Amino acid sequence: GAIVRASWLPANVAAAIGELKSCAVASRVIDIEMLGRAAVGSGLVRINGEAKAQARAIEQLRRSAAFGNIVLRRGSTELKSLVDVWDGSAERQPLFASLKRALDPQGILNPGRGPI
């Protein structure tokens, strides 16, 4: 299955778990498992099922207000062709570009990799 890194506000852990349950039903994946630290607001989510169902689940989690960032850590080549690994949403691109300029002004660190 696919593995995604998820983040949430610690106060939203109940909403995040509820979203995972509804996501499994809506996207028709076999199952979704979460392992993380509720108080920290970060964890890994395993999404089992066929690639198109996994992609639907990832996109639903990214649209959810219960989660912050969803990054695909491990998945099939087919899944990676269906979803953006880094969740490079258009509204986040200026932030990523600004961080890149501040931390790597010469543009030499991992050019062409990552969300920017």
Protein backbone atom coordinates (compact mmCIF):
# COMPACT_ATOMS: atom_id res chain seq x y z
CA GLY A 1 0.00 0.00 0.00
CA ALA A 2 0.85 3.66 -0.14
CA ILE A 3 2.40 5.45 2.84
CA VAL A 4 1.74 9.15 3.39
CA ARG A 5 3.11 11.51 6.04
CA ALA A 6 0.23 13.47 7.55
CA SER A 7 0.10 16.43 9.88
CA TRP A 8 -2.77 17.81 11.92
CA LEU A 9 -3.33 20.15 14.82
CA PRO A 10 -3.25 18.10 18.03
CA ALA A 11 -6.67 19.50 18.96
CA ASN A 12 -8.02 18.09 15.65
CA VAL A 13 -7.00 14.46 16.21
CA ALA A 14 -10.63 13.29 16.54
CA ALA A 15 -11.56 15.06 13.30
CA ALA A 16 -8.51 13.57 11.57
CA ILE A 17 -9.48 10.03 12.63
CA GLY A 18 -13.06 10.65 11.51
CA GLU A 19 -11.80 11.91 8.16
CA LEU A 20 -9.72 8.77 7.69
CA LYS A 21 -12.80 6.61 8.28
CA SER A 22 -14.94 8.54 5.82
CA CYS A 23 -12.07 8.63 3.34
CA ALA A 24 -11.83 4.83 3.31
CA VAL A 25 -15.53 4.55 2.47
CA ALA A 26 -15.65 7.38 -0.08
CA SER A 27 -12.54 6.36 -2.01
CA ARG A 28 -13.32 2.62 -1.81
CA VAL A 29 -9.89 1.63 -0.52
CA ILE A 30 -9.43 -1.68 1.24
CA ASP A 31 -8.33 -0.08 4.50
CA ILE A 32 -6.53 2.88 6.01
CA GLU A 33 -4.27 2.65 9.07
CA MET A 34 -2.68 5.52 10.98
CA LEU A 35 0.35 5.43 13.24
CA GLY A 36 1.41 8.65 14.85
CA ARG A 37 1.68 10.87 17.86
CA ALA A 38 -1.58 12.62 18.57
CA ALA A 39 -0.01 15.23 20.86
CA VAL A 40 2.59 16.12 18.22
CA GLY A 41 0.15 16.16 15.31
CA SER A 42 2.15 14.02 12.93
CA GLY A 43 2.07 10.46 11.71
CA LEU A 44 2.10 7.96 8.90
CA VAL A 45 -1.00 6.70 7.12
CA ARG A 46 -1.03 3.43 5.17
CA ILE A 47 -3.60 3.33 2.38
CA ASN A 48 -4.25 -0.12 0.92
CA GLY A 49 -6.13 -0.71 -2.30
CA GLU A 50 -5.73 -0.22 -6.02
CA ALA A 51 -3.81 2.84 -7.23
CA LYS A 52 -6.84 4.86 -8.39
CA ALA A 53 -8.56 4.35 -5.04
CA GLN A 54 -5.36 5.33 -3.21
CA ALA A 55 -5.16 8.50 -5.33
CA ARG A 56 -8.77 9.39 -4.49
CA ALA A 57 -8.03 8.87 -0.79
CA ILE A 58 -4.92 11.07 -0.89
CA GLU A 59 -6.75 13.85 -2.69
CA GLN A 60 -9.63 13.68 -0.18
CA LEU A 61 -7.19 13.91 2.73
CA ARG A 62 -5.52 16.92 1.10
CA ARG A 63 -8.88 18.69 0.75
CA SER A 64 -9.81 17.99 4.38
CA ALA A 65 -9.69 20.77 6.94
CA ALA A 66 -8.69 18.16 9.56
CA PHE A 67 -5.22 17.72 8.04
CA GLY A 68 -2.43 20.15 7.26
CA ASN A 69 0.13 18.58 4.96
CA ILE A 70 -0.13 15.21 3.19
CA VAL A 71 3.06 13.97 1.47
CA LEU A 72 3.32 10.67 -0.37
CA ARG A 73 6.28 8.83 1.16
CA ARG A 74 5.90 5.50 -0.63
CA GLY A 75 3.70 4.39 -3.49
CA SER A 76 3.66 2.59 -6.80
CA THR A 77 4.80 4.20 -10.03
CA GLU A 78 1.16 4.23 -11.14
CA LEU A 79 0.09 6.09 -7.99
CA LYS A 80 2.89 8.62 -8.40
CA SER A 81 1.64 9.31 -11.92
CA LEU A 82 -1.84 10.05 -10.52
CA VAL A 83 -1.00 12.36 -7.59
CA ASP A 84 1.58 15.01 -6.78
CA VAL A 85 3.99 13.41 -4.32
CA TRP A 86 4.65 16.71 -2.49
CA ASP A 87 1.16 18.25 -2.64
CA GLY A 88 2.51 21.29 -4.43
CA SER A 89 -0.78 23.16 -4.21
CA ALA A 90 -0.66 26.46 -6.06
CA GLU A 91 -1.24 28.49 -2.89
CA ARG A 92 1.83 26.89 -1.26
CA GLN A 93 4.24 27.50 -4.15
CA PRO A 94 5.17 31.08 -3.15
CA LEU A 95 6.06 29.83 0.34
CA PHE A 96 8.17 26.96 -1.03
CA ALA A 97 9.93 29.29 -3.49
CA SER A 98 10.69 31.79 -0.73
CA LEU A 99 12.15 29.07 1.50
CA LYS A 100 14.23 27.74 -1.37
CA ARG A 101 15.65 31.22 -2.09
CA ALA A 102 16.41 31.82 1.61
CA LEU A 103 18.03 28.44 2.29
CA ASP A 104 19.60 27.75 -1.10
CA PRO A 105 20.28 31.07 -2.84
CA GLN A 106 22.62 29.43 -5.38
CA GLY A 107 20.03 26.77 -6.29
CA ILE A 108 22.48 23.90 -5.94
CA LEU A 109 20.69 21.64 -3.43
CA ASN A 110 18.62 18.93 -5.14
CA PRO A 111 17.76 20.95 -8.25
CA GLY A 112 14.47 19.80 -9.75
CA ARG A 113 13.51 17.72 -6.71
CA GLY A 114 10.98 18.40 -4.03
CA PRO A 115 8.04 20.74 -4.10
CA ILE A 116 9.96 23.52 -5.85
